[in-house]
Structure formats: C-alpha cells, structure tokens
Amino acid sequence: WWLNDKGYLGMQRILLVLLAEAGLDKG
C-alpha cells in the first residue's frame, strides 16, 4: 500500500538534492 501523505515533499527533496549535485544555472 501507499498513502499520499504530503507526497509532494518527496519531489521537493529529490529536486534539492539533484540541483545541488547538478548545479543550478543562474546565468
């Protein structure tokens, strides 16, 4: 089973880790 208990927080955390590793273009 899976319950969508603020599941969007998972994507937010993934994005932060990904951008920290990949570098956010601020140009």
mmCIF file of all heavy atoms, coordinates in Angstrom:
data_MODEL
# 
_entry.id   MODEL 
# 
loop_
_atom_site.group_PDB 
_atom_site.id 
_atom_site.type_symbol 
_atom_site.label_atom_id 
_atom_site.label_alt_id 
_atom_site.label_comp_id 
_atom_site.label_asym_id 
_atom_site.label_entity_id 
_atom_site.label_seq_id 
_atom_site.pdbx_PDB_ins_code 
_atom_site.Cartn_x 
_atom_site.Cartn_y 
_atom_site.Cartn_z 
_atom_site.occupancy 
_atom_site.B_iso_or_equiv 
_atom_site.pdbx_formal_charge 
_atom_site.auth_seq_id 
_atom_site.auth_comp_id 
_atom_site.auth_asym_id 
_atom_site.auth_atom_id 
_atom_site.pdbx_PDB_model_num 
ATOM 1   N N   . TRP A 1 1  ? 0.826  -1.201 0.000   1.00 0.00 ? 1  TRP A N   1 
ATOM 2   C CA  . TRP A 1 1  ? 0.000  0.000  0.000   1.00 0.00 ? 1  TRP A CA  1 
ATOM 3   C C   . TRP A 1 1  ? 0.862  1.253  0.000   1.00 0.00 ? 1  TRP A C   1 
ATOM 4   O O   . TRP A 1 1  ? 2.031  1.227  0.377   1.00 0.00 ? 1  TRP A O   1 
ATOM 5   C CB  . TRP A 1 1  ? -0.955 0.009  1.191   1.00 0.00 ? 1  TRP A CB  1 
ATOM 6   C CG  . TRP A 1 1  ? -0.268 -0.040 2.539   1.00 0.00 ? 1  TRP A CG  1 
ATOM 7   C CD1 . TRP A 1 1  ? 0.120  -1.159 3.222   1.00 0.00 ? 1  TRP A CD1 1 
ATOM 8   C CD2 . TRP A 1 1  ? 0.114  1.078  3.353   1.00 0.00 ? 1  TRP A CD2 1 
ATOM 9   N NE1 . TRP A 1 1  ? 0.722  -0.820 4.408   1.00 0.00 ? 1  TRP A NE1 1 
ATOM 10  C CE2 . TRP A 1 1  ? 0.726  0.555  4.521   1.00 0.00 ? 1  TRP A CE2 1 
ATOM 11  C CE3 . TRP A 1 1  ? -0.009 2.463  3.211   1.00 0.00 ? 1  TRP A CE3 1 
ATOM 12  C CZ2 . TRP A 1 1  ? 1.221  1.371  5.531   1.00 0.00 ? 1  TRP A CZ2 1 
ATOM 13  C CZ3 . TRP A 1 1  ? 0.494  3.283  4.220   1.00 0.00 ? 1  TRP A CZ3 1 
ATOM 14  C CH2 . TRP A 1 1  ? 1.104  2.739  5.367   1.00 0.00 ? 1  TRP A CH2 1 
ATOM 15  N N   . TRP A 1 2  ? 0.231  2.337  -0.422  1.00 0.00 ? 2  TRP A N   1 
ATOM 16  C CA  . TRP A 1 2  ? 0.879  3.649  -0.390  1.00 0.00 ? 2  TRP A CA  1 
ATOM 17  C C   . TRP A 1 2  ? -0.175 4.716  -0.162  1.00 0.00 ? 2  TRP A C   1 
ATOM 18  O O   . TRP A 1 2  ? -1.267 4.665  -0.737  1.00 0.00 ? 2  TRP A O   1 
ATOM 19  C CB  . TRP A 1 2  ? 1.623  3.939  -1.703  1.00 0.00 ? 2  TRP A CB  1 
ATOM 20  C CG  . TRP A 1 2  ? 2.410  5.218  -1.626  1.00 0.00 ? 2  TRP A CG  1 
ATOM 21  C CD1 . TRP A 1 2  ? 3.628  5.405  -1.024  1.00 0.00 ? 2  TRP A CD1 1 
ATOM 22  C CD2 . TRP A 1 2  ? 2.034  6.486  -2.162  1.00 0.00 ? 2  TRP A CD2 1 
ATOM 23  N NE1 . TRP A 1 2  ? 4.033  6.711  -1.138  1.00 0.00 ? 2  TRP A NE1 1 
ATOM 24  C CE2 . TRP A 1 2  ? 3.067  7.407  -1.825  1.00 0.00 ? 2  TRP A CE2 1 
ATOM 25  C CE3 . TRP A 1 2  ? 0.929  6.938  -2.867  1.00 0.00 ? 2  TRP A CE3 1 
ATOM 26  C CZ2 . TRP A 1 2  ? 3.011  8.737  -2.197  1.00 0.00 ? 2  TRP A CZ2 1 
ATOM 27  C CZ3 . TRP A 1 2  ? 0.868  8.276  -3.231  1.00 0.00 ? 2  TRP A CZ3 1 
ATOM 28  C CH2 . TRP A 1 2  ? 1.911  9.162  -2.902  1.00 0.00 ? 2  TRP A CH2 1 
ATOM 29  N N   . LEU A 1 3  ? 0.165  5.666  0.715   1.00 0.00 ? 3  LEU A N   1 
ATOM 30  C CA  . LEU A 1 3  ? -0.745 6.755  1.066   1.00 0.00 ? 3  LEU A CA  1 
ATOM 31  C C   . LEU A 1 3  ? -0.091 8.085  0.718   1.00 0.00 ? 3  LEU A C   1 
ATOM 32  O O   . LEU A 1 3  ? 1.058  8.340  1.101   1.00 0.00 ? 3  LEU A O   1 
ATOM 33  C CB  . LEU A 1 3  ? -1.068 6.716  2.565   1.00 0.00 ? 3  LEU A CB  1 
ATOM 34  C CG  . LEU A 1 3  ? -1.887 7.889  3.132   1.00 0.00 ? 3  LEU A CG  1 
ATOM 35  C CD1 . LEU A 1 3  ? -3.286 7.924  2.515   1.00 0.00 ? 3  LEU A CD1 1 
ATOM 36  C CD2 . LEU A 1 3  ? -1.968 7.786  4.652   1.00 0.00 ? 3  LEU A CD2 1 
ATOM 37  N N   . ASN A 1 4  ? -0.829 8.919  0.007   1.00 0.00 ? 4  ASN A N   1 
ATOM 38  C CA  . ASN A 1 4  ? -0.287 10.215 -0.410  1.00 0.00 ? 4  ASN A CA  1 
ATOM 39  C C   . ASN A 1 4  ? -0.351 11.220 0.747   1.00 0.00 ? 4  ASN A C   1 
ATOM 40  O O   . ASN A 1 4  ? -1.126 12.173 0.736   1.00 0.00 ? 4  ASN A O   1 
ATOM 41  C CB  . ASN A 1 4  ? -1.051 10.751 -1.624  1.00 0.00 ? 4  ASN A CB  1 
ATOM 42  C CG  . ASN A 1 4  ? -0.366 11.967 -2.218  1.00 0.00 ? 4  ASN A CG  1 
ATOM 43  O OD1 . ASN A 1 4  ? 0.814  12.219 -1.973  1.00 0.00 ? 4  ASN A OD1 1 
ATOM 44  N ND2 . ASN A 1 4  ? -1.099 12.724 -3.018  1.00 0.00 ? 4  ASN A ND2 1 
ATOM 45  N N   . ASP A 1 5  ? 0.500  10.985 1.735   1.00 0.00 ? 5  ASP A N   1 
ATOM 46  C CA  . ASP A 1 5  ? 0.609  11.879 2.882   1.00 0.00 ? 5  ASP A CA  1 
ATOM 47  C C   . ASP A 1 5  ? 1.677  12.931 2.587   1.00 0.00 ? 5  ASP A C   1 
ATOM 48  O O   . ASP A 1 5  ? 2.855  12.720 2.812   1.00 0.00 ? 5  ASP A O   1 
ATOM 49  C CB  . ASP A 1 5  ? 0.973  11.065 4.126   1.00 0.00 ? 5  ASP A CB  1 
ATOM 50  C CG  . ASP A 1 5  ? 1.108  11.927 5.377   1.00 0.00 ? 5  ASP A CG  1 
ATOM 51  O OD1 . ASP A 1 5  ? 0.695  13.098 5.344   1.00 0.00 ? 5  ASP A OD1 1 
ATOM 52  O OD2 . ASP A 1 5  ? 1.649  11.414 6.382   1.00 0.00 ? 5  ASP A OD2 1 
ATOM 53  N N   . LYS A 1 6  ? 1.248  14.053 2.016   1.00 0.00 ? 6  LYS A N   1 
ATOM 54  C CA  . LYS A 1 6  ? 2.155  15.114 1.604   1.00 0.00 ? 6  LYS A CA  1 
ATOM 55  C C   . LYS A 1 6  ? 3.285  14.559 0.726   1.00 0.00 ? 6  LYS A C   1 
ATOM 56  O O   . LYS A 1 6  ? 4.458  14.857 0.904   1.00 0.00 ? 6  LYS A O   1 
ATOM 57  C CB  . LYS A 1 6  ? 2.745  15.838 2.816   1.00 0.00 ? 6  LYS A CB  1 
ATOM 58  C CG  . LYS A 1 6  ? 1.703  16.542 3.674   1.00 0.00 ? 6  LYS A CG  1 
ATOM 59  C CD  . LYS A 1 6  ? 2.349  17.255 4.857   1.00 0.00 ? 6  LYS A CD  1 
ATOM 60  C CE  . LYS A 1 6  ? 1.282  17.945 5.716   1.00 0.00 ? 6  LYS A CE  1 
ATOM 61  N NZ  . LYS A 1 6  ? 1.884  18.616 6.892   1.00 0.00 ? 6  LYS A NZ  1 
ATOM 62  N N   . GLY A 1 7  ? 2.879  13.762 -0.263  1.00 0.00 ? 7  GLY A N   1 
ATOM 63  C CA  . GLY A 1 7  ? 3.854  13.138 -1.151  1.00 0.00 ? 7  GLY A CA  1 
ATOM 64  C C   . GLY A 1 7  ? 4.712  14.124 -1.912  1.00 0.00 ? 7  GLY A C   1 
ATOM 65  O O   . GLY A 1 7  ? 5.840  13.813 -2.301  1.00 0.00 ? 7  GLY A O   1 
ATOM 66  N N   . TYR A 1 8  ? 4.195  15.325 -2.126  1.00 0.00 ? 8  TYR A N   1 
ATOM 67  C CA  . TYR A 1 8  ? 4.949  16.344 -2.859  1.00 0.00 ? 8  TYR A CA  1 
ATOM 68  C C   . TYR A 1 8  ? 6.270  16.696 -2.169  1.00 0.00 ? 8  TYR A C   1 
ATOM 69  O O   . TYR A 1 8  ? 7.213  17.152 -2.815  1.00 0.00 ? 8  TYR A O   1 
ATOM 70  C CB  . TYR A 1 8  ? 4.101  17.605 -3.038  1.00 0.00 ? 8  TYR A CB  1 
ATOM 71  C CG  . TYR A 1 8  ? 3.629  18.229 -1.745  1.00 0.00 ? 8  TYR A CG  1 
ATOM 72  C CD1 . TYR A 1 8  ? 4.421  19.117 -1.044  1.00 0.00 ? 8  TYR A CD1 1 
ATOM 73  C CD2 . TYR A 1 8  ? 2.364  17.930 -1.239  1.00 0.00 ? 8  TYR A CD2 1 
ATOM 74  C CE1 . TYR A 1 8  ? 3.989  19.681 0.149   1.00 0.00 ? 8  TYR A CE1 1 
ATOM 75  C CE2 . TYR A 1 8  ? 1.915  18.489 -0.056  1.00 0.00 ? 8  TYR A CE2 1 
ATOM 76  C CZ  . TYR A 1 8  ? 2.730  19.358 0.641   1.00 0.00 ? 8  TYR A CZ  1 
ATOM 77  O OH  . TYR A 1 8  ? 2.300  19.911 1.819   1.00 0.00 ? 8  TYR A OH  1 
ATOM 78  N N   . LEU A 1 9  ? 6.349  16.468 -0.844  1.00 0.00 ? 9  LEU A N   1 
ATOM 79  C CA  . LEU A 1 9  ? 7.603  16.744 -0.144  1.00 0.00 ? 9  LEU A CA  1 
ATOM 80  C C   . LEU A 1 9  ? 8.729  15.846 -0.659  1.00 0.00 ? 9  LEU A C   1 
ATOM 81  O O   . LEU A 1 9  ? 9.893  16.237 -0.656  1.00 0.00 ? 9  LEU A O   1 
ATOM 82  C CB  . LEU A 1 9  ? 7.423  16.537 1.365   1.00 0.00 ? 9  LEU A CB  1 
ATOM 83  C CG  . LEU A 1 9  ? 6.470  17.497 2.084   1.00 0.00 ? 9  LEU A CG  1 
ATOM 84  C CD1 . LEU A 1 9  ? 6.345  17.110 3.553   1.00 0.00 ? 9  LEU A CD1 1 
ATOM 85  C CD2 . LEU A 1 9  ? 6.970  18.932 1.960   1.00 0.00 ? 9  LEU A CD2 1 
ATOM 86  N N   . GLY A 1 10 ? 8.360  14.647 -1.102  1.00 0.00 ? 10 GLY A N   1 
ATOM 87  C CA  . GLY A 1 10 ? 9.369  13.750 -1.672  1.00 0.00 ? 10 GLY A CA  1 
ATOM 88  C C   . GLY A 1 10 ? 9.996  14.342 -2.916  1.00 0.00 ? 10 GLY A C   1 
ATOM 89  O O   . GLY A 1 10 ? 11.219 14.323 -3.084  1.00 0.00 ? 10 GLY A O   1 
ATOM 90  N N   . MET A 1 11 ? 9.163  14.888 -3.809  1.00 0.00 ? 11 MET A N   1 
ATOM 91  C CA  . MET A 1 11 ? 9.691  15.510 -5.025  1.00 0.00 ? 11 MET A CA  1 
ATOM 92  C C   . MET A 1 11 ? 10.511 16.757 -4.707  1.00 0.00 ? 11 MET A C   1 
ATOM 93  O O   . MET A 1 11 ? 11.531 17.023 -5.343  1.00 0.00 ? 11 MET A O   1 
ATOM 94  C CB  . MET A 1 11 ? 8.553  15.852 -5.985  1.00 0.00 ? 11 MET A CB  1 
ATOM 95  C CG  . MET A 1 11 ? 8.064  14.682 -6.822  1.00 0.00 ? 11 MET A CG  1 
ATOM 96  S SD  . MET A 1 11 ? 6.941  13.598 -5.945  1.00 0.00 ? 11 MET A SD  1 
ATOM 97  C CE  . MET A 1 11 ? 5.372  14.423 -6.268  1.00 0.00 ? 11 MET A CE  1 
ATOM 98  N N   . GLN A 1 12 ? 10.076 17.507 -3.716  1.00 0.00 ? 12 GLN A N   1 
ATOM 99  C CA  . GLN A 1 12 ? 10.823 18.701 -3.343  1.00 0.00 ? 12 GLN A CA  1 
ATOM 100 C C   . GLN A 1 12 ? 12.222 18.343 -2.846  1.00 0.00 ? 12 GLN A C   1 
ATOM 101 O O   . GLN A 1 12 ? 13.208 18.983 -3.210  1.00 0.00 ? 12 GLN A O   1 
ATOM 102 C CB  . GLN A 1 12 ? 10.054 19.484 -2.272  1.00 0.00 ? 12 GLN A CB  1 
ATOM 103 C CG  . GLN A 1 12 ? 8.765  20.118 -2.803  1.00 0.00 ? 12 GLN A CG  1 
ATOM 104 C CD  . GLN A 1 12 ? 7.961  20.814 -1.724  1.00 0.00 ? 12 GLN A CD  1 
ATOM 105 O OE1 . GLN A 1 12 ? 8.321  20.776 -0.546  1.00 0.00 ? 12 GLN A OE1 1 
ATOM 106 N NE2 . GLN A 1 12 ? 6.863  21.453 -2.116  1.00 0.00 ? 12 GLN A NE2 1 
ATOM 107 N N   . ARG A 1 13 ? 12.302 17.310 -2.023  1.00 0.00 ? 13 ARG A N   1 
ATOM 108 C CA  . ARG A 1 13 ? 13.618 16.897 -1.528  1.00 0.00 ? 13 ARG A CA  1 
ATOM 109 C C   . ARG A 1 13 ? 14.490 16.351 -2.656  1.00 0.00 ? 13 ARG A C   1 
ATOM 110 O O   . ARG A 1 13 ? 15.679 16.662 -2.753  1.00 0.00 ? 13 ARG A O   1 
ATOM 111 C CB  . ARG A 1 13 ? 13.472 15.845 -0.425  1.00 0.00 ? 13 ARG A CB  1 
ATOM 112 C CG  . ARG A 1 13 ? 14.841 15.446 0.170   1.00 0.00 ? 13 ARG A CG  1 
ATOM 113 C CD  . ARG A 1 13 ? 14.748 14.557 1.390   1.00 0.00 ? 13 ARG A CD  1 
ATOM 114 N NE  . ARG A 1 13 ? 14.364 13.200 1.094   1.00 0.00 ? 13 ARG A NE  1 
ATOM 115 C CZ  . ARG A 1 13 ? 14.887 12.124 1.699   1.00 0.00 ? 13 ARG A CZ  1 
ATOM 116 N NH1 . ARG A 1 13 ? 15.835 12.268 2.635   1.00 0.00 ? 13 ARG A NH1 1 
ATOM 117 N NH2 . ARG A 1 13 ? 14.467 10.920 1.407   1.00 0.00 ? 13 ARG A NH2 1 
ATOM 118 N N   . ILE A 1 14 ? 13.894 15.533 -3.514  1.00 0.00 ? 14 ILE A N   1 
ATOM 119 C CA  . ILE A 1 14 ? 14.650 14.992 -4.651  1.00 0.00 ? 14 ILE A CA  1 
ATOM 120 C C   . ILE A 1 14 ? 15.214 16.124 -5.496  1.00 0.00 ? 14 ILE A C   1 
ATOM 121 O O   . ILE A 1 14 ? 16.378 16.104 -5.896  1.00 0.00 ? 14 ILE A O   1 
ATOM 122 C CB  . ILE A 1 14 ? 13.750 14.074 -5.507  1.00 0.00 ? 14 ILE A CB  1 
ATOM 123 C CG1 . ILE A 1 14 ? 13.367 12.814 -4.733  1.00 0.00 ? 14 ILE A CG1 1 
ATOM 124 C CG2 . ILE A 1 14 ? 14.469 13.693 -6.808  1.00 0.00 ? 14 ILE A CG2 1 
ATOM 125 C CD1 . ILE A 1 14 ? 12.235 12.029 -5.371  1.00 0.00 ? 14 ILE A CD1 1 
ATOM 126 N N   . LEU A 1 15 ? 14.381 17.125 -5.782  1.00 0.00 ? 15 LEU A N   1 
ATOM 127 C CA  . LEU A 1 15 ? 14.826 18.250 -6.608  1.00 0.00 ? 15 LEU A CA  1 
ATOM 128 C C   . LEU A 1 15 ? 15.992 18.983 -5.962  1.00 0.00 ? 15 LEU A C   1 
ATOM 129 O O   . LEU A 1 15 ? 16.962 19.327 -6.644  1.00 0.00 ? 15 LEU A O   1 
ATOM 130 C CB  . LEU A 1 15 ? 13.668 19.216 -6.857  1.00 0.00 ? 15 LEU A CB  1 
ATOM 131 C CG  . LEU A 1 15 ? 14.009 20.454 -7.700  1.00 0.00 ? 15 LEU A CG  1 
ATOM 132 C CD1 . LEU A 1 15 ? 14.416 20.045 -9.114  1.00 0.00 ? 15 LEU A CD1 1 
ATOM 133 C CD2 . LEU A 1 15 ? 12.834 21.431 -7.741  1.00 0.00 ? 15 LEU A CD2 1 
ATOM 134 N N   . LEU A 1 16 ? 15.933 19.219 -4.671  1.00 0.00 ? 16 LEU A N   1 
ATOM 135 C CA  . LEU A 1 16 ? 17.018 19.931 -3.988  1.00 0.00 ? 16 LEU A CA  1 
ATOM 136 C C   . LEU A 1 16 ? 18.329 19.154 -4.077  1.00 0.00 ? 16 LEU A C   1 
ATOM 137 O O   . LEU A 1 16 ? 19.389 19.733 -4.359  1.00 0.00 ? 16 LEU A O   1 
ATOM 138 C CB  . LEU A 1 16 ? 16.653 20.179 -2.524  1.00 0.00 ? 16 LEU A CB  1 
ATOM 139 C CG  . LEU A 1 16 ? 15.585 21.248 -2.249  1.00 0.00 ? 16 LEU A CG  1 
ATOM 140 C CD1 . LEU A 1 16 ? 15.258 21.290 -0.761  1.00 0.00 ? 16 LEU A CD1 1 
ATOM 141 C CD2 . LEU A 1 16 ? 16.056 22.623 -2.733  1.00 0.00 ? 16 LEU A CD2 1 
ATOM 142 N N   . VAL A 1 17 ? 18.278 17.853 -3.841  1.00 0.00 ? 17 VAL A N   1 
ATOM 143 C CA  . VAL A 1 17 ? 19.498 17.040 -3.922  1.00 0.00 ? 17 VAL A CA  1 
ATOM 144 C C   . VAL A 1 17 ? 20.026 17.022 -5.352  1.00 0.00 ? 17 VAL A C   1 
ATOM 145 O O   . VAL A 1 17 ? 21.230 17.155 -5.599  1.00 0.00 ? 17 VAL A O   1 
ATOM 146 C CB  . VAL A 1 17 ? 19.239 15.607 -3.421  1.00 0.00 ? 17 VAL A CB  1 
ATOM 147 C CG1 . VAL A 1 17 ? 20.523 14.771 -3.527  1.00 0.00 ? 17 VAL A CG1 1 
ATOM 148 C CG2 . VAL A 1 17 ? 18.751 15.618 -1.971  1.00 0.00 ? 17 VAL A CG2 1 
ATOM 149 N N   . LEU A 1 18 ? 19.119 16.864 -6.311  1.00 0.00 ? 18 LEU A N   1 
ATOM 150 C CA  . LEU A 1 18 ? 19.513 16.831 -7.715  1.00 0.00 ? 18 LEU A CA  1 
ATOM 151 C C   . LEU A 1 18 ? 20.169 18.139 -8.143  1.00 0.00 ? 18 LEU A C   1 
ATOM 152 O O   . LEU A 1 18 ? 21.222 18.135 -8.788  1.00 0.00 ? 18 LEU A O   1 
ATOM 153 C CB  . LEU A 1 18 ? 18.294 16.536 -8.582  1.00 0.00 ? 18 LEU A CB  1 
ATOM 154 C CG  . LEU A 1 18 ? 18.505 16.539 -10.097 1.00 0.00 ? 18 LEU A CG  1 
ATOM 155 C CD1 . LEU A 1 18 ? 19.550 15.512 -10.509 1.00 0.00 ? 18 LEU A CD1 1 
ATOM 156 C CD2 . LEU A 1 18 ? 17.197 16.295 -10.827 1.00 0.00 ? 18 LEU A CD2 1 
ATOM 157 N N   . LEU A 1 19 ? 19.565 19.269 -7.779  1.00 0.00 ? 19 LEU A N   1 
ATOM 158 C CA  . LEU A 1 19 ? 20.123 20.563 -8.180  1.00 0.00 ? 19 LEU A CA  1 
ATOM 159 C C   . LEU A 1 19 ? 21.446 20.851 -7.485  1.00 0.00 ? 19 LEU A C   1 
ATOM 160 O O   . LEU A 1 19 ? 22.345 21.465 -8.072  1.00 0.00 ? 19 LEU A O   1 
ATOM 161 C CB  . LEU A 1 19 ? 19.116 21.675 -7.889  1.00 0.00 ? 19 LEU A CB  1 
ATOM 162 C CG  . LEU A 1 19 ? 17.828 21.650 -8.713  1.00 0.00 ? 19 LEU A CG  1 
ATOM 163 C CD1 . LEU A 1 19 ? 16.936 22.827 -8.344  1.00 0.00 ? 19 LEU A CD1 1 
ATOM 164 C CD2 . LEU A 1 19 ? 18.134 21.668 -10.210 1.00 0.00 ? 19 LEU A CD2 1 
ATOM 165 N N   . ALA A 1 20 ? 21.580 20.405 -6.250  1.00 0.00 ? 20 ALA A N   1 
ATOM 166 C CA  . ALA A 1 20 ? 22.856 20.588 -5.556  1.00 0.00 ? 20 ALA A CA  1 
ATOM 167 C C   . ALA A 1 20 ? 23.962 19.815 -6.261  1.00 0.00 ? 20 ALA A C   1 
ATOM 168 O O   . ALA A 1 20 ? 25.109 20.286 -6.365  1.00 0.00 ? 20 ALA A O   1 
ATOM 169 C CB  . ALA A 1 20 ? 22.730 20.140 -4.099  1.00 0.00 ? 20 ALA A CB  1 
ATOM 170 N N   . GLU A 1 21 ? 23.631 18.622 -6.767  1.00 0.00 ? 21 GLU A N   1 
ATOM 171 C CA  . GLU A 1 21 ? 24.623 17.806 -7.470  1.00 0.00 ? 21 GLU A CA  1 
ATOM 172 C C   . GLU A 1 21 ? 24.855 18.290 -8.899  1.00 0.00 ? 21 GLU A C   1 
ATOM 173 O O   . GLU A 1 21 ? 25.995 18.284 -9.387  1.00 0.00 ? 21 GLU A O   1 
ATOM 174 C CB  . GLU A 1 21 ? 24.164 16.342 -7.498  1.00 0.00 ? 21 GLU A CB  1 
ATOM 175 C CG  . GLU A 1 21 ? 24.362 15.604 -6.200  1.00 0.00 ? 21 GLU A CG  1 
ATOM 176 C CD  . GLU A 1 21 ? 25.835 15.462 -5.835  1.00 0.00 ? 21 GLU A CD  1 
ATOM 177 O OE1 . GLU A 1 21 ? 26.604 14.924 -6.646  1.00 0.00 ? 21 GLU A OE1 1 
ATOM 178 O OE2 . GLU A 1 21 ? 26.202 15.915 -4.730  1.00 0.00 ? 21 GLU A OE2 1 
ATOM 179 N N   . ALA A 1 22 ? 23.796 18.687 -9.575  1.00 0.00 ? 22 ALA A N   1 
ATOM 180 C CA  . ALA A 1 22 ? 23.901 19.057 -10.989 1.00 0.00 ? 22 ALA A CA  1 
ATOM 181 C C   . ALA A 1 22 ? 24.241 20.524 -11.197 1.00 0.00 ? 22 ALA A C   1 
ATOM 182 O O   . ALA A 1 22 ? 24.680 20.911 -12.284 1.00 0.00 ? 22 ALA A O   1 
ATOM 183 C CB  . ALA A 1 22 ? 22.597 18.718 -11.716 1.00 0.00 ? 22 ALA A CB  1 
ATOM 184 N N   . GLY A 1 23 ? 24.040 21.357 -10.186 1.00 0.00 ? 23 GLY A N   1 
ATOM 185 C CA  . GLY A 1 23 ? 24.328 22.786 -10.317 1.00 0.00 ? 23 GLY A CA  1 
ATOM 186 C C   . GLY A 1 23 ? 23.179 23.523 -10.970 1.00 0.00 ? 23 GLY A C   1 
ATOM 187 O O   . GLY A 1 23 ? 22.782 23.204 -12.090 1.00 0.00 ? 23 GLY A O   1 
ATOM 188 N N   . LEU A 1 24 ? 22.631 24.524 -10.289 1.00 0.00 ? 24 LEU A N   1 
ATOM 189 C CA  . LEU A 1 24 ? 21.541 25.333 -10.833 1.00 0.00 ? 24 LEU A CA  1 
ATOM 190 C C   . LEU A 1 24 ? 22.131 26.481 -11.631 1.00 0.00 ? 24 LEU A C   1 
ATOM 191 O O   . LEU A 1 24 ? 22.915 27.279 -11.122 1.00 0.00 ? 24 LEU A O   1 
ATOM 192 C CB  . LEU A 1 24 ? 20.673 25.880 -9.703  1.00 0.00 ? 24 LEU A CB  1 
ATOM 193 C CG  . LEU A 1 24 ? 19.529 26.822 -10.099 1.00 0.00 ? 24 LEU A CG  1 
ATOM 194 C CD1 . LEU A 1 24 ? 18.525 26.089 -10.976 1.00 0.00 ? 24 LEU A CD1 1 
ATOM 195 C CD2 . LEU A 1 24 ? 18.854 27.389 -8.861  1.00 0.00 ? 24 LEU A CD2 1 
ATOM 196 N N   . ASP A 1 25 ? 21.751 26.562 -12.911 1.00 0.00 ? 25 ASP A N   1 
ATOM 197 C CA  . ASP A 1 25 ? 22.228 27.645 -13.768 1.00 0.00 ? 25 ASP A CA  1 
ATOM 198 C C   . ASP A 1 25 ? 21.524 28.939 -13.379 1.00 0.00 ? 25 ASP A C   1 
ATOM 199 O O   . ASP A 1 25 ? 20.302 29.043 -13.457 1.00 0.00 ? 25 ASP A O   1 
ATOM 200 C CB  . ASP A 1 25 ? 21.955 27.305 -15.236 1.00 0.00 ? 25 ASP A CB  1 
ATOM 201 C CG  . ASP A 1 25 ? 22.330 28.461 -16.159 1.00 0.00 ? 25 ASP A CG  1 
ATOM 202 O OD1 . ASP A 1 25 ? 23.264 29.194 -15.818 1.00 0.00 ? 25 ASP A OD1 1 
ATOM 203 O OD2 . ASP A 1 25 ? 21.667 28.600 -17.198 1.00 0.00 ? 25 ASP A OD2 1 
ATOM 204 N N   . LYS A 1 26 ? 22.301 29.904 -12.943 1.00 0.00 ? 26 LYS A N   1 
ATOM 205 C CA  . LYS A 1 26 ? 21.728 31.189 -12.517 1.00 0.00 ? 26 LYS A CA  1 
ATOM 206 C C   . LYS A 1 26 ? 22.116 32.314 -13.472 1.00 0.00 ? 26 LYS A C   1 
ATOM 207 O O   . LYS A 1 26 ? 22.001 33.489 -13.146 1.00 0.00 ? 26 LYS A O   1 
ATOM 208 C CB  . LYS A 1 26 ? 22.223 31.535 -11.114 1.00 0.00 ? 26 LYS A CB  1 
ATOM 209 C CG  . LYS A 1 26 ? 21.895 30.487 -10.071 1.00 0.00 ? 26 LYS A CG  1 
ATOM 210 C CD  . LYS A 1 26 ? 22.547 30.815 -8.742  1.00 0.00 ? 26 LYS A CD  1 
ATOM 211 C CE  . LYS A 1 26 ? 22.330 29.706 -7.741  1.00 0.00 ? 26 LYS A CE  1 
ATOM 212 N NZ  . LYS A 1 26 ? 23.031 29.979 -6.453  1.00 0.00 ? 26 LYS A NZ  1 
ATOM 213 N N   . GLY A 1 27 ? 22.572 31.927 -14.650 1.00 0.00 ? 27 GLY A N   1 
ATOM 214 C CA  . GLY A 1 27 ? 23.076 32.923 -15.598 1.00 0.00 ? 27 GLY A CA  1 
ATOM 215 C C   . GLY A 1 27 ? 21.987 33.569 -16.411 1.00 0.00 ? 27 GLY A C   1 
ATOM 216 O O   . GLY A 1 27 ? 21.056 34.164 -15.889 1.00 0.00 ? 27 GLY A O   1 
# 
